[in-house]
Structure formats: structure tokens, C-alpha cells
N, C-alpha and C. Protein backbone atom coordinates (compact mmCIF):
# COMPACT_ATOMS: atom_id res chain seq x y z
N ILE A 1 -10.76 56.59 25.50
CA ILE A 1 -11.19 57.55 26.51
C ILE A 1 -10.41 57.32 27.80
N ALA A 2 -10.19 56.04 28.13
CA ALA A 2 -9.41 55.74 29.34
C ALA A 2 -8.00 56.28 29.22
N VAL A 3 -7.38 56.17 28.05
CA VAL A 3 -6.03 56.69 27.84
C VAL A 3 -6.04 58.21 27.91
N ALA A 4 -7.09 58.84 27.39
CA ALA A 4 -7.18 60.30 27.43
C ALA A 4 -7.26 60.82 28.86
N ASN A 5 -7.72 59.99 29.78
CA ASN A 5 -7.81 60.38 31.19
C ASN A 5 -6.54 60.07 31.98
N LEU A 6 -5.56 59.47 31.32
CA LEU A 6 -4.31 59.10 31.97
C LEU A 6 -3.30 60.24 31.82
N HIS A 7 -2.89 60.82 32.91
CA HIS A 7 -1.94 61.93 32.88
C HIS A 7 -0.72 61.57 33.72
N HIS A 8 0.40 61.41 33.02
CA HIS A 8 1.66 61.07 33.70
C HIS A 8 2.80 61.54 32.81
N PRO A 9 3.89 62.05 33.39
CA PRO A 9 5.01 62.54 32.57
C PRO A 9 5.65 61.47 31.69
N ASN A 10 5.48 60.18 32.02
CA ASN A 10 6.08 59.11 31.23
C ASN A 10 5.08 58.39 30.34
N VAL A 11 3.96 59.04 30.07
CA VAL A 11 2.96 58.53 29.14
C VAL A 11 2.64 59.65 28.16
N VAL A 12 2.61 59.33 26.86
CA VAL A 12 2.25 60.31 25.86
C VAL A 12 0.83 60.79 26.16
N MET A 13 0.66 62.09 26.26
CA MET A 13 -0.62 62.69 26.63
C MET A 13 -1.60 62.61 25.47
N ALA A 14 -2.81 62.19 25.76
CA ALA A 14 -3.90 62.21 24.78
C ALA A 14 -4.71 63.48 25.04
N HIS A 15 -4.84 64.33 24.03
CA HIS A 15 -5.54 65.60 24.20
C HIS A 15 -7.03 65.49 23.92
N ALA A 16 -7.39 64.67 22.94
CA ALA A 16 -8.81 64.60 22.57
C ALA A 16 -9.10 63.26 21.92
N VAL A 17 -10.33 62.81 22.11
CA VAL A 17 -10.85 61.61 21.46
C VAL A 17 -12.11 62.03 20.75
N GLY A 18 -12.29 61.57 19.54
CA GLY A 18 -13.49 61.99 18.83
C GLY A 18 -13.78 61.16 17.60
N ASN A 19 -14.73 61.67 16.83
CA ASN A 19 -15.18 61.02 15.62
C ASN A 19 -15.37 62.11 14.57
N HIS A 20 -14.78 61.92 13.40
CA HIS A 20 -14.93 62.87 12.31
C HIS A 20 -15.31 62.11 11.05
N ASP A 21 -16.48 62.39 10.53
CA ASP A 21 -16.98 61.70 9.33
C ASP A 21 -16.94 60.18 9.47
N GLY A 22 -17.29 59.68 10.63
CA GLY A 22 -17.34 58.24 10.85
C GLY A 22 -16.02 57.60 11.21
N LEU A 23 -14.95 58.38 11.28
CA LEU A 23 -13.64 57.85 11.64
C LEU A 23 -13.29 58.30 13.05
N HIS A 24 -12.92 57.34 13.89
CA HIS A 24 -12.52 57.65 15.26
C HIS A 24 -11.08 58.18 15.24
N PHE A 25 -10.79 59.11 16.12
CA PHE A 25 -9.44 59.63 16.20
C PHE A 25 -9.04 59.87 17.64
N LEU A 26 -7.74 59.90 17.84
CA LEU A 26 -7.14 60.20 19.13
C LEU A 26 -6.07 61.24 18.86
N GLU A 27 -6.24 62.44 19.40
CA GLU A 27 -5.26 63.51 19.24
C GLU A 27 -4.25 63.39 20.38
N MET A 28 -2.99 63.20 20.00
CA MET A 28 -1.94 62.93 20.98
C MET A 28 -0.93 64.08 21.03
N GLU A 29 -0.24 64.15 22.13
CA GLU A 29 0.88 65.07 22.32
C GLU A 29 1.95 64.78 21.27
N PHE A 30 2.55 65.83 20.73
CA PHE A 30 3.69 65.66 19.84
C PHE A 30 4.94 65.52 20.70
N VAL A 31 5.70 64.46 20.46
CA VAL A 31 6.93 64.24 21.21
C VAL A 31 8.09 64.40 20.23
N ALA A 32 8.83 65.48 20.39
CA ALA A 32 9.99 65.73 19.53
C ALA A 32 11.12 64.81 19.99
N GLY A 33 11.54 63.93 19.13
CA GLY A 33 12.59 62.98 19.47
C GLY A 33 12.40 61.71 18.66
N ASN A 34 13.01 60.64 19.10
CA ASN A 34 12.94 59.35 18.43
C ASN A 34 12.35 58.30 19.35
N SER A 35 12.00 57.19 18.76
CA SER A 35 11.59 56.05 19.58
C SER A 35 12.83 55.44 20.21
N LEU A 36 12.62 54.72 21.28
CA LEU A 36 13.72 53.99 21.91
C LEU A 36 14.31 53.00 20.90
N GLN A 37 13.48 52.44 20.04
CA GLN A 37 13.96 51.50 19.03
C GLN A 37 14.97 52.16 18.10
N LYS A 38 14.68 53.39 17.65
CA LYS A 38 15.62 54.09 16.77
C LYS A 38 16.92 54.38 17.49
N THR A 39 16.83 54.70 18.77
CA THR A 39 18.03 54.91 19.57
C THR A 39 18.84 53.62 19.63
N LEU A 40 18.16 52.50 19.86
CA LEU A 40 18.87 51.21 19.92
C LEU A 40 19.41 50.80 18.56
N ASP A 41 18.70 51.14 17.48
CA ASP A 41 19.20 50.84 16.13
C ASP A 41 20.53 51.56 15.87
N SER A 42 20.66 52.77 16.38
CA SER A 42 21.88 53.54 16.12
C SER A 42 22.99 53.24 17.14
N GLN A 43 22.62 52.91 18.38
CA GLN A 43 23.64 52.69 19.42
C GLN A 43 23.85 51.23 19.79
N GLN A 44 22.98 50.34 19.35
CA GLN A 44 23.00 48.91 19.69
C GLN A 44 22.71 48.67 21.17
N ARG A 45 23.58 49.15 22.05
CA ARG A 45 23.42 48.96 23.49
C ARG A 45 23.49 50.30 24.18
N LEU A 46 22.89 50.36 25.35
CA LEU A 46 22.97 51.57 26.17
C LEU A 46 23.82 51.27 27.40
N SER A 47 24.33 52.30 28.00
CA SER A 47 25.07 52.11 29.24
C SER A 47 24.10 51.61 30.31
N PRO A 48 24.58 50.88 31.29
CA PRO A 48 23.69 50.43 32.37
C PRO A 48 22.96 51.60 33.03
N THR A 49 23.63 52.73 33.19
CA THR A 49 22.99 53.90 33.81
C THR A 49 21.82 54.39 32.97
N ASP A 50 22.03 54.55 31.65
CA ASP A 50 20.94 55.01 30.77
C ASP A 50 19.82 53.98 30.71
N ALA A 51 20.18 52.69 30.61
CA ALA A 51 19.17 51.64 30.53
C ALA A 51 18.31 51.61 31.79
N LEU A 52 18.94 51.75 32.94
CA LEU A 52 18.22 51.73 34.21
C LEU A 52 17.32 52.97 34.34
N ARG A 53 17.83 54.13 33.94
CA ARG A 53 17.04 55.36 34.00
C ARG A 53 15.79 55.25 33.12
N ILE A 54 15.97 54.76 31.89
CA ILE A 54 14.84 54.62 30.97
C ILE A 54 13.86 53.58 31.50
N THR A 55 14.37 52.47 32.00
CA THR A 55 13.50 51.42 32.55
C THR A 55 12.68 51.96 33.72
N ALA A 56 13.29 52.73 34.59
CA ALA A 56 12.55 53.30 35.73
C ALA A 56 11.44 54.24 35.24
N GLN A 57 11.72 55.03 34.20
CA GLN A 57 10.71 55.94 33.68
C GLN A 57 9.55 55.17 33.04
N ILE A 58 9.87 54.14 32.27
CA ILE A 58 8.81 53.32 31.67
C ILE A 58 8.00 52.65 32.77
N ALA A 59 8.68 52.14 33.79
CA ALA A 59 7.98 51.49 34.91
C ALA A 59 7.04 52.47 35.61
N ASP A 60 7.47 53.72 35.78
CA ASP A 60 6.59 54.72 36.39
C ASP A 60 5.35 54.95 35.54
N GLY A 61 5.53 55.06 34.23
CA GLY A 61 4.39 55.24 33.33
C GLY A 61 3.45 54.04 33.33
N LEU A 62 4.03 52.85 33.33
CA LEU A 62 3.19 51.63 33.40
C LEU A 62 2.45 51.54 34.72
N ALA A 63 3.11 51.91 35.81
CA ALA A 63 2.45 51.88 37.11
C ALA A 63 1.24 52.81 37.11
N ALA A 64 1.37 53.97 36.51
CA ALA A 64 0.24 54.90 36.42
C ALA A 64 -0.88 54.30 35.58
N ALA A 65 -0.53 53.67 34.47
CA ALA A 65 -1.54 53.03 33.63
C ALA A 65 -2.23 51.89 34.39
N HIS A 66 -1.46 51.08 35.09
CA HIS A 66 -2.03 49.97 35.85
C HIS A 66 -2.94 50.47 36.97
N ARG A 67 -2.54 51.55 37.65
CA ARG A 67 -3.41 52.13 38.68
C ARG A 67 -4.73 52.62 38.08
N ALA A 68 -4.67 53.07 36.82
CA ALA A 68 -5.87 53.55 36.13
C ALA A 68 -6.67 52.38 35.53
N GLY A 69 -6.18 51.16 35.73
CA GLY A 69 -6.90 49.99 35.23
C GLY A 69 -6.59 49.65 33.79
N LEU A 70 -5.48 50.15 33.24
CA LEU A 70 -5.11 49.87 31.86
C LEU A 70 -3.92 48.92 31.79
N ILE A 71 -4.02 47.95 30.90
CA ILE A 71 -2.89 47.07 30.59
C ILE A 71 -2.49 47.40 29.16
N HIS A 72 -1.23 47.76 28.95
CA HIS A 72 -0.76 48.22 27.64
C HIS A 72 -0.79 47.10 26.60
N ARG A 73 -0.24 45.97 26.91
CA ARG A 73 -0.19 44.75 26.09
C ARG A 73 0.74 44.81 24.88
N ASP A 74 1.51 45.90 24.72
CA ASP A 74 2.47 45.94 23.62
C ASP A 74 3.67 46.84 23.97
N VAL A 75 4.22 46.61 25.17
CA VAL A 75 5.38 47.38 25.61
C VAL A 75 6.59 46.87 24.82
N LYS A 76 7.23 47.78 24.12
CA LYS A 76 8.41 47.47 23.31
C LYS A 76 9.10 48.78 22.96
N PRO A 77 10.36 48.74 22.54
CA PRO A 77 11.09 49.98 22.24
C PRO A 77 10.43 50.86 21.18
N ASP A 78 9.72 50.27 20.22
CA ASP A 78 9.01 51.07 19.22
C ASP A 78 7.92 51.93 19.84
N ASN A 79 7.38 51.51 20.97
CA ASN A 79 6.28 52.22 21.62
C ASN A 79 6.73 53.10 22.79
N VAL A 80 8.03 53.34 22.87
CA VAL A 80 8.57 54.26 23.87
C VAL A 80 9.24 55.39 23.11
N LEU A 81 8.77 56.61 23.34
CA LEU A 81 9.33 57.77 22.69
C LEU A 81 10.29 58.47 23.64
N MET A 82 11.42 58.91 23.10
CA MET A 82 12.42 59.60 23.89
C MET A 82 12.43 61.07 23.49
N THR A 83 12.16 61.96 24.44
CA THR A 83 12.17 63.38 24.13
C THR A 83 13.60 63.82 23.83
N LYS A 84 13.72 64.87 23.06
CA LYS A 84 15.05 65.40 22.76
C LYS A 84 15.57 66.14 23.98
N GLU A 85 16.84 65.99 24.19
CA GLU A 85 17.51 66.70 25.27
C GLU A 85 18.86 67.14 24.73
N LEU A 86 19.32 68.31 25.15
CA LEU A 86 20.57 68.84 24.62
C LEU A 86 21.71 67.84 24.77
N HIS A 87 21.84 67.25 25.94
CA HIS A 87 22.88 66.23 26.18
C HIS A 87 22.20 65.01 26.79
N GLY A 88 22.12 63.93 26.05
CA GLY A 88 21.53 62.71 26.60
C GLY A 88 20.27 62.30 25.87
N LEU A 89 19.57 61.33 26.45
CA LEU A 89 18.43 60.71 25.79
C LEU A 89 17.09 61.37 26.09
N GLY A 90 17.00 62.20 27.09
CA GLY A 90 15.73 62.84 27.40
C GLY A 90 14.83 61.96 28.25
N LEU A 91 13.55 62.25 28.16
CA LEU A 91 12.54 61.59 28.98
C LEU A 91 11.85 60.48 28.18
N ALA A 92 11.64 59.32 28.79
CA ALA A 92 10.94 58.21 28.14
C ALA A 92 9.45 58.37 28.35
N LYS A 93 8.68 58.22 27.25
CA LYS A 93 7.22 58.34 27.30
C LYS A 93 6.61 57.14 26.58
N ILE A 94 5.74 56.43 27.26
CA ILE A 94 5.06 55.28 26.65
C ILE A 94 3.95 55.80 25.74
N GLY A 95 3.92 55.29 24.54
CA GLY A 95 2.88 55.66 23.58
C GLY A 95 2.19 54.43 23.05
N ASP A 96 1.38 54.63 22.06
CA ASP A 96 0.65 53.58 21.35
C ASP A 96 -0.09 52.63 22.28
N PHE A 97 -1.13 53.13 22.86
CA PHE A 97 -2.00 52.31 23.70
C PHE A 97 -3.10 51.64 22.86
N GLY A 98 -2.81 51.43 21.58
CA GLY A 98 -3.81 50.88 20.66
C GLY A 98 -4.28 49.48 21.02
N LEU A 99 -3.47 48.69 21.70
CA LEU A 99 -3.87 47.35 22.12
C LEU A 99 -4.25 47.29 23.59
N ALA A 100 -4.23 48.45 24.25
CA ALA A 100 -4.52 48.48 25.69
C ALA A 100 -5.94 48.02 25.97
N LYS A 101 -6.10 47.42 27.13
CA LYS A 101 -7.42 46.99 27.60
C LYS A 101 -7.64 47.54 28.98
N ARG A 102 -8.87 47.85 29.25
CA ARG A 102 -9.25 48.36 30.57
C ARG A 102 -9.72 47.20 31.43
N VAL A 103 -9.20 47.15 32.65
CA VAL A 103 -9.63 46.17 33.63
C VAL A 103 -10.50 46.92 34.63
N ARG A 104 -11.73 46.48 34.81
CA ARG A 104 -12.66 47.24 35.63
C ARG A 104 -12.60 46.88 37.11
N GLY A 105 -12.48 45.61 37.42
CA GLY A 105 -12.51 45.20 38.83
C GLY A 105 -11.14 44.77 39.31
N ARG A 106 -10.96 44.83 40.59
CA ARG A 106 -9.68 44.44 41.18
C ARG A 106 -9.42 42.95 40.90
N GLY A 107 -8.27 42.68 40.35
CA GLY A 107 -7.90 41.30 40.05
C GLY A 107 -8.53 40.74 38.79
N GLU A 108 -9.38 41.54 38.13
CA GLU A 108 -10.02 41.08 36.91
C GLU A 108 -8.96 40.95 35.81
N LYS A 109 -9.07 39.93 35.00
CA LYS A 109 -8.12 39.71 33.92
C LYS A 109 -8.72 40.20 32.60
N VAL A 110 -7.84 40.46 31.64
CA VAL A 110 -8.28 40.86 30.31
C VAL A 110 -8.42 39.61 29.45
N PHE A 111 -9.63 39.33 29.00
CA PHE A 111 -9.86 38.16 28.17
C PHE A 111 -9.95 38.61 26.72
N ASP A 112 -9.03 38.14 25.91
CA ASP A 112 -8.98 38.57 24.53
C ASP A 112 -8.09 37.60 23.77
N ASP A 113 -8.04 37.78 22.44
CA ASP A 113 -7.15 36.98 21.63
C ASP A 113 -5.70 37.33 21.97
N LEU A 114 -4.80 36.48 21.55
CA LEU A 114 -3.37 36.70 21.75
C LEU A 114 -2.95 37.89 20.90
N VAL A 115 -2.54 38.99 21.54
CA VAL A 115 -2.11 40.18 20.83
C VAL A 115 -0.81 40.69 21.43
N GLY A 116 -0.06 41.42 20.62
CA GLY A 116 1.19 41.99 21.08
C GLY A 116 2.30 41.66 20.10
N THR A 117 3.51 41.95 20.49
CA THR A 117 4.69 41.67 19.68
C THR A 117 5.38 40.45 20.29
N PRO A 118 5.42 39.34 19.56
CA PRO A 118 5.86 38.06 20.14
C PRO A 118 7.17 38.10 20.92
N HIS A 119 8.18 38.84 20.46
CA HIS A 119 9.46 38.87 21.17
C HIS A 119 9.34 39.45 22.58
N TYR A 120 8.29 40.23 22.82
CA TYR A 120 8.13 40.91 24.11
C TYR A 120 6.99 40.32 24.95
N MET A 121 6.37 39.26 24.47
CA MET A 121 5.22 38.68 25.17
C MET A 121 5.67 37.69 26.25
N ALA A 122 5.00 37.77 27.39
CA ALA A 122 5.29 36.87 28.50
C ALA A 122 4.93 35.44 28.12
N PRO A 123 5.72 34.46 28.57
CA PRO A 123 5.48 33.06 28.21
C PRO A 123 4.06 32.60 28.55
N GLU A 124 3.50 33.06 29.67
CA GLU A 124 2.16 32.60 30.05
C GLU A 124 1.09 33.00 29.04
N LEU A 125 1.32 34.06 28.28
CA LEU A 125 0.35 34.45 27.26
C LEU A 125 0.28 33.41 26.15
N PHE A 126 1.42 32.79 25.84
CA PHE A 126 1.46 31.77 24.80
C PHE A 126 0.70 30.51 25.22
N SER A 127 0.56 30.29 26.52
CA SER A 127 -0.14 29.09 26.98
C SER A 127 -1.59 29.38 27.36
N GLY A 128 -2.09 30.55 26.98
CA GLY A 128 -3.51 30.83 27.17
C GLY A 128 -3.86 31.69 28.37
N SER A 129 -2.90 32.05 29.21
CA SER A 129 -3.21 32.95 30.31
C SER A 129 -3.54 34.32 29.76
N GLN A 130 -4.24 35.10 30.54
CA GLN A 130 -4.70 36.40 30.09
C GLN A 130 -3.73 37.50 30.49
N ALA A 131 -3.78 38.61 29.75
CA ALA A 131 -2.92 39.75 30.02
C ALA A 131 -3.21 40.31 31.41
N SER A 132 -2.16 40.78 32.06
CA SER A 132 -2.26 41.38 33.38
C SER A 132 -1.14 42.40 33.50
N PRO A 133 -1.12 43.18 34.56
CA PRO A 133 0.03 44.09 34.74
C PRO A 133 1.37 43.35 34.70
N SER A 134 1.39 42.11 35.17
CA SER A 134 2.64 41.33 35.16
C SER A 134 3.16 41.08 33.75
N THR A 135 2.27 40.95 32.79
CA THR A 135 2.72 40.72 31.41
C THR A 135 3.35 41.99 30.84
N ASP A 136 2.88 43.17 31.26
CA ASP A 136 3.55 44.42 30.87
C ASP A 136 4.93 44.50 31.52
N VAL A 137 5.04 44.06 32.77
CA VAL A 137 6.32 44.10 33.48
C VAL A 137 7.32 43.16 32.81
N TYR A 138 6.87 41.98 32.37
CA TYR A 138 7.75 41.06 31.65
C TYR A 138 8.28 41.74 30.38
N ALA A 139 7.40 42.39 29.63
CA ALA A 139 7.81 43.07 28.40
C ALA A 139 8.84 44.16 28.71
N LEU A 140 8.65 44.85 29.82
CA LEU A 140 9.62 45.86 30.24
C LEU A 140 10.97 45.20 30.53
N GLY A 141 10.96 44.02 31.13
CA GLY A 141 12.20 43.27 31.37
C GLY A 141 12.91 42.90 30.08
N VAL A 142 12.13 42.54 29.06
CA VAL A 142 12.72 42.24 27.75
C VAL A 142 13.34 43.51 27.18
N CYS A 143 12.67 44.64 27.34
CA CYS A 143 13.23 45.92 26.88
C CYS A 143 14.56 46.21 27.57
N LEU A 144 14.61 45.99 28.88
CA LEU A 144 15.85 46.22 29.63
C LEU A 144 16.95 45.30 29.12
N PHE A 145 16.63 44.04 28.92
CA PHE A 145 17.59 43.07 28.39
C PHE A 145 18.12 43.56 27.04
N ARG A 146 17.22 44.03 26.19
CA ARG A 146 17.60 44.54 24.86
C ARG A 146 18.51 45.76 24.98
N MET A 147 18.18 46.68 25.90
CA MET A 147 19.00 47.88 26.07
C MET A 147 20.40 47.53 26.55
N LEU A 148 20.52 46.53 27.43
CA LEU A 148 21.82 46.18 28.00
C LEU A 148 22.68 45.32 27.08
N THR A 149 22.04 44.43 26.32
CA THR A 149 22.80 43.44 25.53
C THR A 149 22.86 43.73 24.05
N GLY A 150 21.93 44.53 23.55
CA GLY A 150 21.87 44.78 22.11
C GLY A 150 21.14 43.68 21.35
N ARG A 151 20.52 42.77 22.09
CA ARG A 151 19.79 41.67 21.41
C ARG A 151 18.56 41.30 22.23
N LEU A 152 17.73 40.48 21.63
CA LEU A 152 16.54 39.98 22.32
C LEU A 152 16.86 38.66 23.02
N PRO A 153 16.13 38.33 24.08
CA PRO A 153 16.45 37.10 24.82
C PRO A 153 16.21 35.82 24.02
N PHE A 154 15.19 35.83 23.16
CA PHE A 154 14.89 34.65 22.34
C PHE A 154 14.90 35.07 20.89
N ASN A 155 15.40 34.18 20.02
CA ASN A 155 15.63 34.58 18.63
C ASN A 155 14.92 33.70 17.61
N GLY A 156 13.84 33.08 17.98
CA GLY A 156 13.10 32.25 17.02
C GLY A 156 12.74 33.03 15.77
N LYS A 157 12.79 32.37 14.64
CA LYS A 157 12.49 33.04 13.37
C LYS A 157 10.99 33.12 13.10
N THR A 158 10.23 32.26 13.75
CA THR A 158 8.78 32.27 13.59
C THR A 158 8.13 32.43 14.96
N VAL A 159 6.86 32.79 14.94
CA VAL A 159 6.13 32.93 16.21
C VAL A 159 6.11 31.59 16.94
N LYS A 160 5.95 30.51 16.20
CA LYS A 160 5.93 29.18 16.82
C LYS A 160 7.26 28.87 17.51
N GLN A 161 8.37 29.22 16.88
CA GLN A 161 9.69 29.00 17.49
C GLN A 161 9.86 29.88 18.73
N LEU A 162 9.44 31.14 18.64
CA LEU A 162 9.52 32.05 19.80
C LEU A 162 8.69 31.52 20.95
N MET A 163 7.50 31.03 20.65
CA MET A 163 6.63 30.48 21.69
C MET A 163 7.32 29.33 22.39
N ALA A 164 7.88 28.42 21.61
CA ALA A 164 8.54 27.25 22.17
C ALA A 164 9.73 27.66 23.04
N GLN A 165 10.53 28.61 22.57
CA GLN A 165 11.69 29.06 23.34
C GLN A 165 11.25 29.71 24.65
N ALA A 166 10.29 30.63 24.56
CA ALA A 166 9.84 31.36 25.75
C ALA A 166 9.21 30.45 26.78
N MET A 167 8.53 29.40 26.32
CA MET A 167 7.81 28.52 27.23
C MET A 167 8.70 27.41 27.81
N THR A 168 9.81 27.08 27.15
CA THR A 168 10.59 25.93 27.60
C THR A 168 12.01 26.27 28.04
N GLN A 169 12.53 27.40 27.65
CA GLN A 169 13.90 27.76 27.98
C GLN A 169 13.92 28.82 29.08
N PRO A 170 14.90 28.76 29.95
CA PRO A 170 15.01 29.83 30.95
C PRO A 170 15.40 31.14 30.26
N PHE A 171 14.99 32.23 30.88
CA PHE A 171 15.38 33.55 30.36
C PHE A 171 16.91 33.62 30.40
N PRO A 172 17.55 34.04 29.31
CA PRO A 172 19.02 34.05 29.27
C PRO A 172 19.63 34.97 30.33
N ASP A 173 20.80 34.62 30.77
CA ASP A 173 21.54 35.42 31.75
C ASP A 173 22.13 36.63 31.03
N VAL A 174 21.79 37.80 31.47
CA VAL A 174 22.25 39.04 30.86
C VAL A 174 23.78 39.17 30.92
N ARG A 175 24.41 38.47 31.87
CA ARG A 175 25.87 38.55 32.02
C ARG A 175 26.62 37.89 30.87
N ALA A 176 25.93 37.09 30.07
CA ALA A 176 26.60 36.49 28.91
C ALA A 176 27.04 37.58 27.93
N ALA A 177 26.30 38.68 27.90
CA ALA A 177 26.66 39.80 27.01
C ALA A 177 27.24 40.99 27.76
N CYS A 178 26.95 41.08 29.04
CA CYS A 178 27.41 42.22 29.86
C CYS A 178 28.02 41.68 31.13
N VAL A 179 29.27 41.29 31.06
CA VAL A 179 29.91 40.62 32.19
C VAL A 179 30.12 41.51 33.40
N ASP A 180 30.17 42.81 33.21
CA ASP A 180 30.52 43.71 34.31
C ASP A 180 29.31 44.35 35.00
N LEU A 181 28.12 43.81 34.81
CA LEU A 181 26.93 44.39 35.44
C LEU A 181 26.90 44.12 36.94
N PRO A 182 26.45 45.09 37.73
CA PRO A 182 26.27 44.84 39.16
C PRO A 182 25.18 43.78 39.38
N ASN A 183 25.31 42.98 40.42
CA ASN A 183 24.35 41.91 40.69
C ASN A 183 22.91 42.40 40.82
N VAL A 184 22.73 43.60 41.39
CA VAL A 184 21.37 44.11 41.57
C VAL A 184 20.70 44.34 40.21
N LEU A 185 21.47 44.77 39.22
CA LEU A 185 20.92 44.97 37.87
C LEU A 185 20.66 43.64 37.18
N VAL A 186 21.52 42.66 37.43
CA VAL A 186 21.31 41.32 36.87
C VAL A 186 20.02 40.74 37.40
N GLU A 187 19.77 40.90 38.71
CA GLU A 187 18.55 40.39 39.31
C GLU A 187 17.31 41.09 38.76
N LEU A 188 17.41 42.38 38.55
CA LEU A 188 16.30 43.14 37.99
C LEU A 188 15.96 42.65 36.60
């Protein structure tokens, strides 16, 4: 219901929430296009301009969700849909709020089990901290890293290895794969 009340151009619109024969459903906007993941599968890397444009759009959608008291908890390229555009990638829309949690009070944290996609989870989640808007922002940073470099920052084969890498190793320098990036983008 909280997602159905969220209206933003960079969030997939929920039209209706209901129950039919004991099954809950969420009727969502149809987005003609592909996921950001499919775009990355075919292109490997995006230009800095496209990556920055998509990141800004996702950030706008997340900001709207955070203002509405929602934490997505599974920001990743599979959950970003790209509308079709005659020339270019179109508009980025965040979808799949299936793991989202509502925060009711200012500064209140989401207390729940560890959920999300390990490659995109903030290190503090692995050590027991609770989801917050900052954990969505970290996941967005991983998405940006992936768009610019064609790879993920940590490559552990198991969740345990990913946890250890994320908690003990510094986030890799994006310039190792993209030497010509402007400093402002590197800092971002």
C-alpha cells in the first residue's frame, strides 16, 4: 500500500493493491523496455555520461521513496527498468519493492533479517546494522561502479566470502578500470 502511494517518474507506478481468492496482488505499470541488467549484459559498460544520467534518475526515485518512509533494500540493475527510447536508454524506473520496508518515525531503523542481494549490500548490514536510506545509497554506488567498470567491486564466490571482502577491504578504485574518469565522478 505504501508503494502504491508513491508517485514519481523514476519509480514504477503501482496502480492497485488487492486480494483475489486469498492471493495478494500488486498491479504495476507496464514498462516497455529492458532492465538495466539486460542493458549491462549486452553492453558490459556504459559511457560515463549514460551511467551518471541513470544514477541521477535512480537517486531521484530513491529520494522520493525515502521521503515517503520506504527503504528499498534491494537496489540492483535487475530492479531498474529502462524505458524504450528511439535513440538511447530512456528513463530509469526503480521497480520490485518486494523487500521494501516502511519506516514510520524519523530516524527509526528497519529491524529485520538480512535480506537483499549480497553483491549490492552495504558492509554494515553484514555486521548486524539495520537497513536505512544509506544502505540504498551504497547499493546505488555499487550499481554506478558496475555501469562504469563492467564488473562488481567484490567478487567472492560465496556470501561468506563477499561478506568478508566487503567488511575488510576498501571499496576498489574505479580508476583501475576507467582511467579517464573525471575526479568528481571518481569521488561520487
